[in-house]
C-alpha atoms as a PDB file:
ATOM      1  CA  UNK A   1       2.449  10.226  15.399  1.00  0.00           C
ATOM      2  CA  UNK A   2       4.517   7.124  14.870  1.00  0.00           C
ATOM      3  CA  UNK A   3       2.111   4.846  16.657  1.00  0.00           C
ATOM      4  CA  UNK A   4       2.205   1.165  15.816  1.00  0.00           C
ATOM      5  CA  UNK A   5      -0.784   0.409  13.685  1.00  0.00           C
ATOM      6  CA  UNK A   6      -2.331  -2.319  11.625  1.00  0.00           C
ATOM      7  CA  UNK A   7      -1.676  -3.540   8.163  1.00  0.00           C
ATOM      8  CA  UNK A   8      -4.311  -4.245   5.515  1.00  0.00           C
ATOM      9  CA  UNK A   9      -5.191  -7.451   3.739  1.00  0.00           C
ATOM     10  CA  UNK A  10      -6.343  -8.245   0.227  1.00  0.00           C
ATOM     11  CA  UNK A  11      -9.254 -10.667   0.354  1.00  0.00           C
ATOM     12  CA  UNK A  12     -12.798 -10.563   1.511  1.00  0.00           C
ATOM     13  CA  UNK A  13     -15.623 -12.919   0.912  1.00  0.00           C
ATOM     14  CA  UNK A  14     -18.773 -11.801  -0.831  1.00  0.00           C
ATOM     15  CA  UNK A  15     -20.633 -12.593   2.354  1.00  0.00           C
ATOM     16  CA  UNK A  16     -18.447 -10.231   4.351  1.00  0.00           C
ATOM     17  CA  UNK A  17     -18.918  -7.474   1.805  1.00  0.00           C
ATOM     18  CA  UNK A  18     -22.671  -8.031   1.873  1.00  0.00           C
ATOM     19  CA  UNK A  19     -22.659  -7.941   5.657  1.00  0.00           C
ATOM     20  CA  UNK A  20     -20.835  -4.621   5.561  1.00  0.00           C
ATOM     21  CA  UNK A  21     -23.342  -3.248   3.091  1.00  0.00           C
ATOM     22  CA  UNK A  22     -26.256  -4.457   5.222  1.00  0.00           C
ATOM     23  CA  UNK A  23     -24.780  -2.852   8.296  1.00  0.00           C
ATOM     24  CA  UNK A  24     -24.529   0.376   6.379  1.00  0.00           C
ATOM     25  CA  UNK A  25     -28.222   0.309   5.650  1.00  0.00           C
ATOM     26  CA  UNK A  26     -29.030   0.019   9.337  1.00  0.00           C
ATOM     27  CA  UNK A  27     -27.173   3.147  10.298  1.00  0.00           C
ATOM     28  CA  UNK A  28     -28.707   6.571  10.040  1.00  0.00           C
ATOM     29  CA  UNK A  29     -26.574   8.517   7.607  1.00  0.00           C
ATOM     30  CA  UNK A  30     -25.840  12.074   8.561  1.00  0.00           C
ATOM     31  CA  UNK A  31     -23.990  14.858   6.859  1.00  0.00           C
ATOM     32  CA  UNK A  32     -21.065  16.413   8.635  1.00  0.00           C
ATOM     33  CA  UNK A  33     -19.047  19.545   7.859  1.00  0.00           C
ATOM     34  CA  UNK A  34     -20.554  21.882  10.445  1.00  0.00           C
ATOM     35  CA  UNK A  35     -17.451  23.891  11.227  1.00  0.00           C
ATOM     36  CA  UNK A  36     -15.692  26.688   9.428  1.00  0.00           C
ATOM     37  CA  UNK A  37     -14.343  25.800   6.033  1.00  0.00           C
ATOM     38  CA  UNK A  38     -16.132  22.461   6.037  1.00  0.00           C
ATOM     39  CA  UNK A  39     -14.294  21.128   9.102  1.00  0.00           C
ATOM     40  CA  UNK A  40     -15.988  19.277  11.928  1.00  0.00           C
ATOM     41  CA  UNK A  41     -17.373  20.834  15.098  1.00  0.00           C
ATOM     42  CA  UNK A  42     -13.916  20.844  16.734  1.00  0.00           C
ATOM     43  CA  UNK A  43     -12.546  22.897  13.850  1.00  0.00           C
ATOM     44  CA  UNK A  44     -10.670  19.944  12.385  1.00  0.00           C
ATOM     45  CA  UNK A  45     -11.390  18.061   9.184  1.00  0.00           C
ATOM     46  CA  UNK A  46     -12.603  14.582  10.112  1.00  0.00           C
ATOM     47  CA  UNK A  47     -10.806  12.048   7.886  1.00  0.00           C
ATOM     48  CA  UNK A  48     -11.540   8.315   7.950  1.00  0.00           C
ATOM     49  CA  UNK A  49      -8.737   6.403   6.215  1.00  0.00           C
ATOM     50  CA  UNK A  50      -9.222   2.821   5.136  1.00  0.00           C
ATOM     51  CA  UNK A  51      -5.812   1.477   6.204  1.00  0.00           C
ATOM     52  CA  UNK A  52      -2.305   2.408   7.368  1.00  0.00           C
ATOM     53  CA  UNK A  53      -0.589   3.927   4.284  1.00  0.00           C
ATOM     54  CA  UNK A  54      -3.507   6.312   3.792  1.00  0.00           C
ATOM     55  CA  UNK A  55      -3.838   6.997   7.513  1.00  0.00           C
ATOM     56  CA  UNK A  56      -0.146   7.899   7.719  1.00  0.00           C
ATOM     57  CA  UNK A  57      -0.339  10.119   4.649  1.00  0.00           C
ATOM     58  CA  UNK A  58      -3.473  11.901   5.899  1.00  0.00           C
ATOM     59  CA  UNK A  59      -1.809  12.637   9.241  1.00  0.00           C
ATOM     60  CA  UNK A  60       1.351  13.940   7.580  1.00  0.00           C
ATOM     61  CA  UNK A  61      -0.478  16.159   5.099  1.00  0.00           C
ATOM     62  CA  UNK A  62      -3.249  17.283   7.450  1.00  0.00           C
ATOM     63  CA  UNK A  63      -1.099  17.939  10.475  1.00  0.00           C
ATOM     64  CA  UNK A  64      -2.826  19.709  13.341  1.00  0.00           C
ATOM     65  CA  UNK A  65      -5.821  20.649  11.243  1.00  0.00           C
ATOM     66  CA  UNK A  66      -7.219  17.151  10.750  1.00  0.00           C
ATOM     67  CA  UNK A  67      -8.491  14.350  12.932  1.00  0.00           C
ATOM     68  CA  UNK A  68      -7.662  10.964  11.376  1.00  0.00           C
ATOM     69  CA  UNK A  69      -9.065   7.550  12.228  1.00  0.00           C
ATOM     70  CA  UNK A  70      -8.573   4.258  10.428  1.00  0.00           C
ATOM     71  CA  UNK A  71     -10.983   1.444   9.613  1.00  0.00           C
ATOM     72  CA  UNK A  72      -8.236  -1.199   9.703  1.00  0.00           C
ATOM     73  CA  UNK A  73      -6.749  -1.710  13.132  1.00  0.00           C
ATOM     74  CA  UNK A  74      -3.246  -3.117  13.803  1.00  0.00           C
ATOM     75  CA  UNK A  75      -2.968  -6.837  13.126  1.00  0.00           C
ATOM     76  CA  UNK A  76      -5.984  -6.995  10.807  1.00  0.00           C
ATOM     77  CA  UNK A  77      -5.394  -8.101   7.230  1.00  0.00           C
ATOM     78  CA  UNK A  78      -6.844  -5.186   5.242  1.00  0.00           C
ATOM     79  CA  UNK A  79      -8.131  -7.405   2.447  1.00  0.00           C
ATOM     80  CA  UNK A  80     -10.214  -9.387   4.937  1.00  0.00           C
ATOM     81  CA  UNK A  81     -11.633  -6.396   6.786  1.00  0.00           C
ATOM     82  CA  UNK A  82     -15.280  -6.646   7.774  1.00  0.00           C
ATOM     83  CA  UNK A  83     -17.087  -3.375   8.392  1.00  0.00           C
ATOM     84  CA  UNK A  84     -18.753  -3.018  11.783  1.00  0.00           C
ATOM     85  CA  UNK A  85     -21.782  -0.752  12.388  1.00  0.00           C
ATOM     86  CA  UNK A  86     -19.604   1.575  14.475  1.00  0.00           C
ATOM     87  CA  UNK A  87     -17.192   1.968  11.567  1.00  0.00           C
ATOM     88  CA  UNK A  88     -20.070   2.581   9.203  1.00  0.00           C
ATOM     89  CA  UNK A  89     -21.151   5.412  11.481  1.00  0.00           C
ATOM     90  CA  UNK A  90     -17.622   6.831  11.386  1.00  0.00           C
ATOM     91  CA  UNK A  91     -17.717   6.837   7.598  1.00  0.00           C
ATOM     92  CA  UNK A  92     -21.127   8.429   7.333  1.00  0.00           C
ATOM     93  CA  UNK A  93     -20.120  11.226   9.685  1.00  0.00           C
ATOM     94  CA  UNK A  94     -16.708  11.907   8.141  1.00  0.00           C
ATOM     95  CA  UNK A  95     -15.813  14.994   6.144  1.00  0.00           C
ATOM     96  CA  UNK A  96     -13.494  12.894   3.980  1.00  0.00           C
ATOM     97  CA  UNK A  97     -13.277   9.154   3.382  1.00  0.00           C
ATOM     98  CA  UNK A  98      -9.809   8.240   2.083  1.00  0.00           C
ATOM     99  CA  UNK A  99      -9.558   4.754   0.595  1.00  0.00           C
ATOM    100  CA  UNK A 100      -8.006   2.698  -2.200  1.00  0.00           C
ATOM    101  CA  UNK A 101     -10.655   1.239  -4.440  1.00  0.00           C
ATOM    102  CA  UNK A 102     -10.249  -2.460  -5.157  1.00  0.00           C
ATOM    103  CA  UNK A 103      -8.051  -3.274  -2.162  1.00  0.00           C
ATOM    104  CA  UNK A 104     -10.791  -3.736   0.434  1.00  0.00           C
ATOM    105  CA  UNK A 105     -14.176  -4.696  -1.057  1.00  0.00           C
ATOM    106  CA  UNK A 106     -15.993  -4.131   2.238  1.00  0.00           C
ATOM    107  CA  UNK A 107     -14.696  -0.566   2.358  1.00  0.00           C
ATOM    108  CA  UNK A 108     -15.679   0.032  -1.256  1.00  0.00           C
ATOM    109  CA  UNK A 109     -19.231  -1.064  -0.463  1.00  0.00           C
ATOM    110  CA  UNK A 110     -19.361   1.030   2.711  1.00  0.00           C
ATOM    111  CA  UNK A 111     -18.081   4.180   1.037  1.00  0.00           C
ATOM    112  CA  UNK A 112     -20.526   3.804  -1.852  1.00  0.00           C
ATOM    113  CA  UNK A 113     -23.511   3.580   0.467  1.00  0.00           C
ATOM    114  CA  UNK A 114     -22.458   5.818   3.333  1.00  0.00           C
ATOM    115  CA  UNK A 115     -23.343   9.199   1.915  1.00  0.00           C
ATOM    116  CA  UNK A 116     -19.964  10.517   3.074  1.00  0.00           C
ATOM    117  CA  UNK A 117     -19.469  14.115   2.018  1.00  0.00           C
ATOM    118  CA  UNK A 118     -16.208  13.531   0.113  1.00  0.00           C
ATOM    119  CA  UNK A 119     -14.819  10.134  -0.921  1.00  0.00           C
ATOM    120  CA  UNK A 120     -11.273  10.082  -2.300  1.00  0.00           C
ATOM    121  CA  UNK A 121      -9.789   7.087  -4.129  1.00  0.00           C
ATOM    122  CA  UNK A 122      -6.011   7.229  -3.673  1.00  0.00           C
ATOM    123  CA  UNK A 123      -5.513   5.431  -6.987  1.00  0.00           C
ATOM    124  CA  UNK A 124      -6.954   8.455  -8.778  1.00  0.00           C
ATOM    125  CA  UNK A 125      -4.414  10.717  -7.059  1.00  0.00           C
ATOM    126  CA  UNK A 126      -1.333   8.600  -7.795  1.00  0.00           C
ATOM    127  CA  UNK A 127      -1.295   7.641 -11.448  1.00  0.00           C
ATOM    128  CA  UNK A 128       2.382   6.769 -11.363  1.00  0.00           C
ATOM    129  CA  UNK A 129       3.264   8.711 -14.501  1.00  0.00           C
ATOM    130  CA  UNK A 130       6.966   8.900 -13.718  1.00  0.00           C
ATOM    131  CA  UNK A 131       7.951   5.226 -13.664  1.00  0.00           C
ATOM    132  CA  UNK A 132       9.507   5.095 -17.118  1.00  0.00           C
ATOM    133  CA  UNK A 133      11.079   8.527 -16.664  1.00  0.00           C
ATOM    134  CA  UNK A 134      12.854   7.190 -13.597  1.00  0.00           C
ATOM    135  CA  UNK A 135      14.023   4.100 -15.461  1.00  0.00           C
ATOM    136  CA  UNK A 136      15.634   6.270 -18.138  1.00  0.00           C
ATOM    137  CA  UNK A 137      17.036   8.650 -15.564  1.00  0.00           C
ATOM    138  CA  UNK A 138      18.758   5.875 -13.616  1.00  0.00           C
ATOM    139  CA  UNK A 139      19.733   3.663 -16.528  1.00  0.00           C
ATOM    140  CA  UNK A 140      17.219   0.893 -15.885  1.00  0.00           C
ATOM    141  CA  UNK A 141      14.924  -0.682 -18.414  1.00  0.00           C
ATOM    142  CA  UNK A 142      11.189  -0.275 -17.793  1.00  0.00           C
ATOM    143  CA  UNK A 143       9.527  -3.485 -16.744  1.00  0.00           C
ATOM    144  CA  UNK A 144       7.590  -3.856 -19.970  1.00  0.00           C
ATOM    145  CA  UNK A 145       4.007  -3.981 -21.093  1.00  0.00           C
ATOM    146  CA  UNK A 146       1.283  -4.670 -18.526  1.00  0.00           C
ATOM    147  CA  UNK A 147       0.978  -8.361 -18.014  1.00  0.00           C
ATOM    148  CA  UNK A 148       0.014 -10.046 -14.800  1.00  0.00           C
ATOM    149  CA  UNK A 149      -0.757 -13.674 -14.266  1.00  0.00           C
ATOM    150  CA  UNK A 150      -2.912 -15.023 -11.481  1.00  0.00           C
ATOM    151  CA  UNK A 151      -0.331 -17.618 -10.535  1.00  0.00           C
ATOM    152  CA  UNK A 152       2.358 -15.228  -9.458  1.00  0.00           C
ATOM    153  CA  UNK A 153       3.761 -13.766 -12.668  1.00  0.00           C
ATOM    154  CA  UNK A 154       4.005 -10.008 -12.628  1.00  0.00           C
ATOM    155  CA  UNK A 155       5.808  -7.993 -15.248  1.00  0.00           C
ATOM    156  CA  UNK A 156       3.214  -5.262 -15.102  1.00  0.00           C
ATOM    157  CA  UNK A 157       4.869  -2.653 -12.967  1.00  0.00           C
ATOM    158  CA  UNK A 158       1.692  -2.829 -10.920  1.00  0.00           C
ATOM    159  CA  UNK A 159      -0.948  -2.671 -13.660  1.00  0.00           C
ATOM    160  CA  UNK A 160      -3.370  -4.706 -11.524  1.00  0.00           C
ATOM    161  CA  UNK A 161      -1.511  -4.259  -8.245  1.00  0.00           C
ATOM    162  CA  UNK A 162      -3.060  -1.764  -5.789  1.00  0.00           C
ATOM    163  CA  UNK A 163       0.093  -1.382  -3.659  1.00  0.00           C
ATOM    164  CA  UNK A 164       1.040   1.943  -5.216  1.00  0.00           C
ATOM    165  CA  UNK A 165       2.487   3.356  -1.981  1.00  0.00           C
ATOM    166  CA  UNK A 166       5.517   1.061  -2.405  1.00  0.00           C
ATOM    167  CA  UNK A 167       6.675   3.411  -5.174  1.00  0.00           C
ATOM    168  CA  UNK A 168       7.693   6.570  -3.278  1.00  0.00           C
ATOM    169  CA  UNK A 169       7.022   8.779  -6.300  1.00  0.00           C
ATOM    170  CA  UNK A 170       3.429   7.590  -6.620  1.00  0.00           C
ATOM    171  CA  UNK A 171       2.942   7.978  -2.884  1.00  0.00           C
ATOM    172  CA  UNK A 172       4.167  11.586  -3.237  1.00  0.00           C
ATOM    173  CA  UNK A 173       1.608  12.184  -5.989  1.00  0.00           C
ATOM    174  CA  UNK A 174      -1.119  10.903  -3.684  1.00  0.00           C
ATOM    175  CA  UNK A 175       0.076  13.267  -0.936  1.00  0.00           C
ATOM    176  CA  UNK A 176      -0.027  16.283  -3.217  1.00  0.00           C
ATOM    177  CA  UNK A 177      -3.454  15.326  -4.547  1.00  0.00           C
ATOM    178  CA  UNK A 178      -4.805  14.765  -1.050  1.00  0.00           C
ATOM    179  CA  UNK A 179      -3.599  18.224   0.002  1.00  0.00           C
ATOM    180  CA  UNK A 180      -5.926  19.664  -2.639  1.00  0.00           C
ATOM    181  CA  UNK A 181      -8.800  17.580  -1.280  1.00  0.00           C
ATOM    182  CA  UNK A 182      -8.201  18.916   2.228  1.00  0.00           C
ATOM    183  CA  UNK A 183      -7.924  22.465   0.894  1.00  0.00           C
ATOM    184  CA  UNK A 184     -11.359  22.131  -0.687  1.00  0.00           C
ATOM    185  CA  UNK A 185     -12.807  20.854   2.595  1.00  0.00           C
ATOM    186  CA  UNK A 186     -11.006  23.479   4.679  1.00  0.00           C
ATOM    187  CA  UNK A 187      -9.893  26.478   2.573  1.00  0.00           C
ATOM    188  CA  UNK A 188      -8.665  28.414   5.613  1.00  0.00           C
ATOM    189  CA  UNK A 189      -5.739  26.016   5.984  1.00  0.00           C
ATOM    190  CA  UNK A 190      -4.999  25.333   2.313  1.00  0.00           C
ATOM    191  CA  UNK A 191      -1.500  26.792   2.591  1.00  0.00           C
ATOM    192  CA  UNK A 192      -0.655  24.502   5.507  1.00  0.00           C
ATOM    193  CA  UNK A 193      -1.826  21.417   3.611  1.00  0.00           C
ATOM    194  CA  UNK A 194       0.214  22.392   0.558  1.00  0.00           C
ATOM    195  CA  UNK A 195       3.292  22.999   2.706  1.00  0.00           C
ATOM    196  CA  UNK A 196       2.918  19.674   4.542  1.00  0.00           C
ATOM    197  CA  UNK A 197       2.437  17.742   1.306  1.00  0.00           C
ATOM    198  CA  UNK A 198       5.509  19.418  -0.158  1.00  0.00           C
ATOM    199  CA  UNK A 199       7.583  18.440   2.865  1.00  0.00           C
ATOM    200  CA  UNK A 200       6.391  14.836   2.646  1.00  0.00           C
ATOM    201  CA  UNK A 201       7.032  14.738  -1.107  1.00  0.00           C
ATOM    202  CA  UNK A 202      10.586  15.994  -0.500  1.00  0.00           C
ATOM    203  CA  UNK A 203      11.219  13.154   1.954  1.00  0.00           C
ATOM    204  CA  UNK A 204       9.761  10.667  -0.516  1.00  0.00           C
ATOM    205  CA  UNK A 205      11.983  11.999  -3.300  1.00  0.00           C
ATOM    206  CA  UNK A 206      14.981  11.427  -1.039  1.00  0.00           C
ATOM    207  CA  UNK A 207      13.760   7.897  -0.294  1.00  0.00           C
ATOM    208  CA  UNK A 208      13.355   7.230  -4.005  1.00  0.00           C
ATOM    209  CA  UNK A 209      16.977   8.264  -4.554  1.00  0.00           C
ATOM    210  CA  UNK A 210      18.084   5.984  -1.717  1.00  0.00           C
ATOM    211  CA  UNK A 211      16.403   3.051  -3.457  1.00  0.00           C
ATOM    212  CA  UNK A 212      17.788   3.942  -6.885  1.00  0.00           C
ATOM    213  CA  UNK A 213      21.323   4.380  -5.568  1.00  0.00           C
ATOM    214  CA  UNK A 214      21.145   1.433  -3.195  1.00  0.00           C
ATOM    215  CA  UNK A 215      20.013  -1.018  -5.855  1.00  0.00           C
ATOM    216  CA  UNK A 216      22.700  -0.177  -8.403  1.00  0.00           C
ATOM    217  CA  UNK A 217      25.335  -2.732  -9.406  1.00  0.00           C
ATOM    218  CA  UNK A 218      23.172  -5.676  -8.419  1.00  0.00           C
ATOM    219  CA  UNK A 219      23.965  -9.210  -9.516  1.00  0.00           C
ATOM    220  CA  UNK A 220      20.345 -10.100 -10.296  1.00  0.00           C
ATOM    221  CA  UNK A 221      17.144  -8.195 -11.024  1.00  0.00           C
ATOM    222  CA  UNK A 222      14.816 -10.958  -9.807  1.00  0.00           C
ATOM    223  CA  UNK A 223      13.328 -11.550  -6.398  1.00  0.00           C
ATOM    224  CA  UNK A 224      10.796 -14.138  -5.236  1.00  0.00           C
ATOM    225  CA  UNK A 225       8.036 -13.213  -2.808  1.00  0.00           C
ATOM    226  CA  UNK A 226       4.971 -14.960  -1.435  1.00  0.00           C
ATOM    227  CA  UNK A 227       2.539 -12.218  -2.465  1.00  0.00           C
ATOM    228  CA  UNK A 228       2.501 -10.212  -5.715  1.00  0.00           C
ATOM    229  CA  UNK A 229       2.440  -6.914  -3.841  1.00  0.00           C
ATOM    230  CA  UNK A 230       5.615  -5.374  -5.229  1.00  0.00           C
ATOM    231  CA  UNK A 231       4.790  -4.637  -8.856  1.00  0.00           C
ATOM    232  CA  UNK A 232       4.985  -0.862  -8.436  1.00  0.00           C
ATOM    233  CA  UNK A 233       8.274  -1.085  -6.559  1.00  0.00           C
ATOM    234  CA  UNK A 234       9.724  -3.507  -9.119  1.00  0.00           C
ATOM    235  CA  UNK A 235       8.701  -1.292 -12.023  1.00  0.00           C
ATOM    236  CA  UNK A 236      10.172   1.791 -10.414  1.00  0.00           C
ATOM    237  CA  UNK A 237      13.620   0.270  -9.992  1.00  0.00           C
ATOM    238  CA  UNK A 238      13.831  -2.049 -12.999  1.00  0.00           C
ATOM    239  CA  UNK A 239      13.352  -5.254 -11.004  1.00  0.00           C
ATOM    240  CA  UNK A 240      11.477  -8.478 -11.734  1.00  0.00           C
ATOM    241  CA  UNK A 241       9.023  -9.760  -9.143  1.00  0.00           C
ATOM    242  CA  UNK A 242       8.243 -13.478  -9.158  1.00  0.00           C
ATOM    243  CA  UNK A 243       5.453 -14.236  -6.704  1.00  0.00           C
ATOM    244  CA  UNK A 244       4.664 -17.683  -5.346  1.00  0.00           C
ATOM    245  CA  UNK A 245       0.986 -16.779  -5.366  1.00  0.00           C
ATOM    246  CA  UNK A 246      -0.877 -13.894  -6.966  1.00  0.00           C
ATOM    247  CA  UNK A 247      -2.298 -10.699  -5.514  1.00  0.00           C
ATOM    248  CA  UNK A 248      -4.103 -12.735  -2.850  1.00  0.00           C
ATOM    249  CA  UNK A 249      -1.571 -13.142   0.001  1.00  0.00           C
ATOM    250  CA  UNK A 250      -3.132 -16.431   1.091  1.00  0.00           C
ATOM    251  CA  UNK A 251      -3.416 -18.068  -2.353  1.00  0.00           C
ATOM    252  CA  UNK A 252      -1.899 -21.544  -2.608  1.00  0.00           C
ATOM    253  CA  UNK A 253       0.502 -21.988  -5.542  1.00  0.00           C
ATOM    254  CA  UNK A 254       0.070 -24.860  -7.984  1.00  0.00           C
ATOM    255  CA  UNK A 255       2.734 -27.614  -8.184  1.00  0.00           C
ATOM    256  CA  UNK A 256       3.534 -26.323 -11.673  1.00  0.00           C
ATOM    257  CA  UNK A 257       4.210 -22.831 -10.285  1.00  0.00           C
ATOM    258  CA  UNK A 258       6.514 -24.232  -7.618  1.00  0.00           C
ATOM    259  CA  UNK A 259       8.471 -26.145 -10.268  1.00  0.00           C
ATOM    260  CA  UNK A 260       8.674 -23.033 -12.390  1.00  0.00           C
ATOM    261  CA  UNK A 261      10.088 -21.050  -9.480  1.00  0.00           C
ATOM    262  CA  UNK A 262      12.821 -23.644  -9.056  1.00  0.00           C
ATOM    263  CA  UNK A 263      13.836 -22.950 -12.650  1.00  0.00           C
ATOM    264  CA  UNK A 264      13.580 -19.173 -12.216  1.00  0.00           C
ATOM    265  CA  UNK A 265      15.694 -19.246  -9.060  1.00  0.00           C
ATOM    266  CA  UNK A 266      18.466 -21.186 -10.773  1.00  0.00           C
ATOM    267  CA  UNK A 267      18.387 -19.235 -14.029  1.00  0.00           C
ATOM    268  CA  UNK A 268      18.225 -15.761 -12.448  1.00  0.00           C
ATOM    269  CA  UNK A 269      20.644 -16.494  -9.600  1.00  0.00           C
ATOM    270  CA  UNK A 270      18.014 -15.741  -6.988  1.00  0.00           C
ATOM    271  CA  UNK A 271      19.328 -15.927  -3.420  1.00  0.00           C
ATOM    272  CA  UNK A 272      16.295 -15.228  -1.253  1.00  0.00           C
ATOM    273  CA  UNK A 273      12.607 -16.047  -0.917  1.00  0.00           C
ATOM    274  CA  UNK A 274      10.728 -13.220   0.792  1.00  0.00           C
ATOM    275  CA  UNK A 275       7.739 -13.604   3.087  1.00  0.00           C
ATOM    276  CA  UNK A 276       5.621 -11.161   5.129  1.00  0.00           C
ATOM    277  CA  UNK A 277       5.120 -10.708   8.838  1.00  0.00           C
ATOM    278  CA  UNK A 278       1.328 -11.093   8.815  1.00  0.00           C
ATOM    279  CA  UNK A 279       1.024 -13.957   6.340  1.00  0.00           C
ATOM    280  CA  UNK A 280       2.129 -17.557   6.866  1.00  0.00           C
ATOM    281  CA  UNK A 281       5.746 -18.152   5.860  1.00  0.00           C
ATOM    282  CA  UNK A 282       5.246 -21.896   5.348  1.00  0.00           C
ATOM    283  CA  UNK A 283       5.224 -21.884   1.537  1.00  0.00           C
ATOM    284  CA  UNK A 284       8.193 -19.525   1.327  1.00  0.00           C
ATOM    285  CA  UNK A 285      10.207 -21.718   3.680  1.00  0.00           C
ATOM    286  CA  UNK A 286       9.250 -24.851   1.759  1.00  0.00           C
ATOM    287  CA  UNK A 287      10.445 -23.333  -1.521  1.00  0.00           C
ATOM    288  CA  UNK A 288      13.614 -22.018   0.100  1.00  0.00           C
ATOM    289  CA  UNK A 289      14.412 -25.400   1.607  1.00  0.00           C
ATOM    290  CA  UNK A 290      13.840 -27.155  -1.713  1.00  0.00           C
ATOM    291  CA  UNK A 291      16.071 -24.753  -3.624  1.00  0.00           C
ATOM    292  CA  UNK A 292      18.733 -24.072  -0.995  1.00  0.00           C
ATOM    293  CA  UNK A 293      17.777 -20.391  -0.775  1.00  0.00           C
ATOM    294  CA  UNK A 294      17.613 -18.063   2.200  1.00  0.00           C
ATOM    295  CA  UNK A 295      14.440 -16.438   3.527  1.00  0.00           C
ATOM    296  CA  UNK A 296      13.880 -12.854   4.617  1.00  0.00           C
ATOM    297  CA  UNK A 297      11.057 -10.363   5.163  1.00  0.00           C
ATOM    298  CA  UNK A 298       9.844  -7.920   2.508  1.00  0.00           C
ATOM    299  CA  UNK A 299       7.007  -5.901   3.992  1.00  0.00           C
ATOM    300  CA  UNK A 300       4.172  -4.634   1.745  1.00  0.00           C
ATOM    301  CA  UNK A 301       3.512  -2.044   4.456  1.00  0.00           C
ATOM    302  CA  UNK A 302      -0.204  -2.551   4.640  1.00  0.00           C
ATOM    303  CA  UNK A 303       0.058  -1.847   8.345  1.00  0.00           C
ATOM    304  CA  UNK A 304       2.457  -1.411  11.257  1.00  0.00           C
ATOM    305  CA  UNK A 305       2.572  -3.921  14.109  1.00  0.00           C
ATOM    306  CA  UNK A 306       5.071  -4.899  16.803  1.00  0.00           C
ATOM    307  CA  UNK A 307       6.565  -7.320  14.274  1.00  0.00           C
ATOM    308  CA  UNK A 308       7.286  -4.598  11.741  1.00  0.00           C
ATOM    309  CA  UNK A 309      10.895  -3.578  11.101  1.00  0.00           C
ATOM    310  CA  UNK A 310      10.127   0.010  12.020  1.00  0.00           C
ATOM    311  CA  UNK A 311       7.574   2.379  13.512  1.00  0.00           C
ATOM    312  CA  UNK A 312       6.431   4.147  10.351  1.00  0.00           C
ATOM    313  CA  UNK A 313       6.402   4.093   6.564  1.00  0.00           C
ATOM    314  CA  UNK A 314       9.935   5.393   6.109  1.00  0.00           C
ATOM    315  CA  UNK A 315      11.571   3.059   8.619  1.00  0.00           C
ATOM    316  CA  UNK A 316       9.928  -0.022   7.129  1.00  0.00           C
ATOM    317  CA  UNK A 317      10.701   1.059   3.555  1.00  0.00           C
ATOM    318  CA  UNK A 318      14.370   1.456   4.457  1.00  0.00           C
ATOM    319  CA  UNK A 319      14.309  -2.018   6.025  1.00  0.00           C
ATOM    320  CA  UNK A 320      12.864  -3.289   2.732  1.00  0.00           C
ATOM    321  CA  UNK A 321      15.699  -1.590   0.858  1.00  0.00           C
ATOM    322  CA  UNK A 322      18.288  -3.274   3.073  1.00  0.00           C
ATOM    323  CA  UNK A 323      16.649  -6.662   2.501  1.00  0.00           C
ATOM    324  CA  UNK A 324      16.525  -6.157  -1.264  1.00  0.00           C
ATOM    325  CA  UNK A 325      20.144  -5.032  -1.448  1.00  0.00           C
ATOM    326  CA  UNK A 326      21.286  -8.203   0.272  1.00  0.00           C
ATOM    327  CA  UNK A 327      19.062 -10.423  -1.854  1.00  0.00           C
ATOM    328  CA  UNK A 328      20.003  -8.803  -5.170  1.00  0.00           C
ATOM    329  CA  UNK A 329      23.717  -8.638  -4.491  1.00  0.00           C
ATOM    330  CA  UNK A 330      23.971  -4.861  -4.272  1.00  0.00           C
ATOM    331  CA  UNK A 331      24.560  -4.756  -0.541  1.00  0.00           C
END
């Protein structure tokens, strides 16, 4: 199951979204769910996931009773995904479309027009209600009131950040909610879905503890990254994310923002500027060179490729923890 897959991106042009919508209109929409309990003709629930974190979760929760495909292939930036007619057909014929509204506009448009039997927005399954509880439990201060600037500031704890899977507790909530969705589509295997979701949630609880314990006794709370993808993670563990750009991984920072980051780095004793494997590291390296800082990878886990620091969600998250511990002085 740990196959190397793609990672999603965060931008798409209006033209691409329109093209996806047009393609949808050209495909004959058909209803699926011909098998027992609402499953497909092979007896399995046919799930189309929009990108890797949801694909991985659907496979873990569904197990042998689901057939999972993804719209975002390895190496494709999820935000820039363009929907092809073949993918539109996959959506229209699925029992369940599993996506994250707002992350991939082309997918949002396709799901809305596809007539898919059941469309599930992961954001509605993972509300992240336990962030402040965790902060109290582990002695950290919550990140504060929602507030996110377009030029890289993020003290929101992810208020406008769709990368909720980077908080293991929210990802666990999504898993448990998705198990209920599968149970509705395939009641005969409801117990299996509940059991699988519980097992995944247990592993995610352990991962959450690893992060909480591993990030104790740090010398700074602040990290700098190219892309404001880590608001949920920062909120969970009482950290401060300072992004060079905003939520768009390819946004160019203003000269004023670069100057501000120089000040932040000095004031907060920042040691490292993080970049991603699938986005240019040029700006991160420029800032690091100007400030005498190191560079390292912090992966938003939008997909798995040969350049990823692991073969699945858990391996890459633990690589992220190692990188953060070194950067924050808790290693």
